[in-house]
């Protein structure tokens, strides 16, 4: 895979946690950690888009909230 160099700004607490993950061996480098996080976010977005296509649209927020409660999941963050 060919990589391209980019510059990003991160909140200090996020950067600190990412650096700690690298220091603990959870990721090889900060770049690898960020790339993995972005890939996970993009994969989730693709999966949700496919689910919406299969369901004919996004379920109503009330239904999503009910399912989260039933499964004991935390409330969805505000968009």
C-alpha atoms as a PDB file:
ATOM      1  CA  UNK A   1       0.000   0.000   0.000  1.00  0.00           C
ATOM      2  CA  UNK A   2       1.322   3.410  -0.936  1.00  0.00           C
ATOM      3  CA  UNK A   3       0.815   5.983   1.785  1.00  0.00           C
ATOM      4  CA  UNK A   4       0.414   9.704   1.441  1.00  0.00           C
ATOM      5  CA  UNK A   5       1.555  12.173   4.052  1.00  0.00           C
ATOM      6  CA  UNK A   6      -1.161  14.419   5.502  1.00  0.00           C
ATOM      7  CA  UNK A   7      -1.324  16.838   8.381  1.00  0.00           C
ATOM      8  CA  UNK A   8      -4.132  16.582  10.913  1.00  0.00           C
ATOM      9  CA  UNK A   9      -4.938  18.410  14.114  1.00  0.00           C
ATOM     10  CA  UNK A  10      -6.099  16.348  17.075  1.00  0.00           C
ATOM     11  CA  UNK A  11      -7.403  17.292  20.488  1.00  0.00           C
ATOM     12  CA  UNK A  12      -4.567  16.876  23.018  1.00  0.00           C
ATOM     13  CA  UNK A  13      -6.350  14.147  24.985  1.00  0.00           C
ATOM     14  CA  UNK A  14      -6.993  12.098  21.826  1.00  0.00           C
ATOM     15  CA  UNK A  15      -3.373  12.414  20.742  1.00  0.00           C
ATOM     16  CA  UNK A  16      -2.174  11.428  24.215  1.00  0.00           C
ATOM     17  CA  UNK A  17      -4.321   8.291  24.217  1.00  0.00           C
ATOM     18  CA  UNK A  18      -3.197   7.343  20.715  1.00  0.00           C
ATOM     19  CA  UNK A  19       0.453   7.801  21.674  1.00  0.00           C
ATOM     20  CA  UNK A  20      -0.130   5.671  24.767  1.00  0.00           C
ATOM     21  CA  UNK A  21      -1.630   2.949  22.580  1.00  0.00           C
ATOM     22  CA  UNK A  22       1.499   2.990  20.430  1.00  0.00           C
ATOM     23  CA  UNK A  23       3.752   2.945  23.503  1.00  0.00           C
ATOM     24  CA  UNK A  24       1.869  -0.086  24.868  1.00  0.00           C
ATOM     25  CA  UNK A  25       2.256  -1.957  21.592  1.00  0.00           C
ATOM     26  CA  UNK A  26      -1.411  -1.738  20.564  1.00  0.00           C
ATOM     27  CA  UNK A  27      -0.230  -0.167  17.304  1.00  0.00           C
ATOM     28  CA  UNK A  28       3.098  -0.177  15.510  1.00  0.00           C
ATOM     29  CA  UNK A  29       3.142   3.580  14.853  1.00  0.00           C
ATOM     30  CA  UNK A  30       0.913   6.596  15.326  1.00  0.00           C
ATOM     31  CA  UNK A  31       0.296   6.586  11.566  1.00  0.00           C
ATOM     32  CA  UNK A  32      -0.811   2.952  11.721  1.00  0.00           C
ATOM     33  CA  UNK A  33      -3.078   3.704  14.679  1.00  0.00           C
ATOM     34  CA  UNK A  34      -4.742   6.598  12.845  1.00  0.00           C
ATOM     35  CA  UNK A  35      -5.060   4.594   9.610  1.00  0.00           C
ATOM     36  CA  UNK A  36      -6.688   1.697  11.488  1.00  0.00           C
ATOM     37  CA  UNK A  37      -9.120   4.079  13.225  1.00  0.00           C
ATOM     38  CA  UNK A  38     -10.081   5.720   9.933  1.00  0.00           C
ATOM     39  CA  UNK A  39     -10.542   2.351   8.234  1.00  0.00           C
ATOM     40  CA  UNK A  40     -12.791   1.180  11.089  1.00  0.00           C
ATOM     41  CA  UNK A  41     -14.890   4.350  10.822  1.00  0.00           C
ATOM     42  CA  UNK A  42     -15.173   4.018   7.024  1.00  0.00           C
ATOM     43  CA  UNK A  43     -16.033   0.311   7.284  1.00  0.00           C
ATOM     44  CA  UNK A  44     -18.796   1.103   9.785  1.00  0.00           C
ATOM     45  CA  UNK A  45     -20.176   3.825   7.502  1.00  0.00           C
ATOM     46  CA  UNK A  46     -20.189   1.429   4.531  1.00  0.00           C
ATOM     47  CA  UNK A  47     -21.928  -1.249   6.599  1.00  0.00           C
ATOM     48  CA  UNK A  48     -24.571   1.182   7.853  1.00  0.00           C
ATOM     49  CA  UNK A  49     -25.190   2.436   4.300  1.00  0.00           C
ATOM     50  CA  UNK A  50     -25.675  -1.155   3.103  1.00  0.00           C
ATOM     51  CA  UNK A  51     -28.071  -1.829   5.985  1.00  0.00           C
ATOM     52  CA  UNK A  52     -30.071   1.292   5.161  1.00  0.00           C
ATOM     53  CA  UNK A  53     -30.301   0.187   1.522  1.00  0.00           C
ATOM     54  CA  UNK A  54     -31.520  -3.246   2.633  1.00  0.00           C
ATOM     55  CA  UNK A  55     -34.100  -1.735   5.003  1.00  0.00           C
ATOM     56  CA  UNK A  56     -35.281   0.871   2.522  1.00  0.00           C
ATOM     57  CA  UNK A  57     -34.013   3.766   4.639  1.00  0.00           C
ATOM     58  CA  UNK A  58     -32.834   4.652   8.098  1.00  0.00           C
ATOM     59  CA  UNK A  59     -35.019   3.337  10.924  1.00  0.00           C
ATOM     60  CA  UNK A  60     -36.748   6.030  13.001  1.00  0.00           C
ATOM     61  CA  UNK A  61     -34.584   7.393  15.841  1.00  0.00           C
ATOM     62  CA  UNK A  62     -37.143   6.212  18.412  1.00  0.00           C
ATOM     63  CA  UNK A  63     -36.702   2.627  17.169  1.00  0.00           C
ATOM     64  CA  UNK A  64     -32.918   2.900  17.294  1.00  0.00           C
ATOM     65  CA  UNK A  65     -33.125   4.278  20.842  1.00  0.00           C
ATOM     66  CA  UNK A  66     -35.425   1.424  21.900  1.00  0.00           C
ATOM     67  CA  UNK A  67     -33.078  -1.215  20.496  1.00  0.00           C
ATOM     68  CA  UNK A  68     -30.097   0.412  22.242  1.00  0.00           C
ATOM     69  CA  UNK A  69     -31.991   0.366  25.554  1.00  0.00           C
ATOM     70  CA  UNK A  70     -33.092  -3.256  25.037  1.00  0.00           C
ATOM     71  CA  UNK A  71     -29.491  -4.287  24.356  1.00  0.00           C
ATOM     72  CA  UNK A  72     -28.136  -2.293  27.287  1.00  0.00           C
ATOM     73  CA  UNK A  73     -26.090  -0.046  24.996  1.00  0.00           C
ATOM     74  CA  UNK A  74     -25.333   3.575  25.796  1.00  0.00           C
ATOM     75  CA  UNK A  75     -27.340   6.281  24.086  1.00  0.00           C
ATOM     76  CA  UNK A  76     -26.083   7.318  20.687  1.00  0.00           C
ATOM     77  CA  UNK A  77     -23.960  10.447  20.717  1.00  0.00           C
ATOM     78  CA  UNK A  78     -25.626  13.592  19.409  1.00  0.00           C
ATOM     79  CA  UNK A  79     -24.925  14.138  15.734  1.00  0.00           C
END
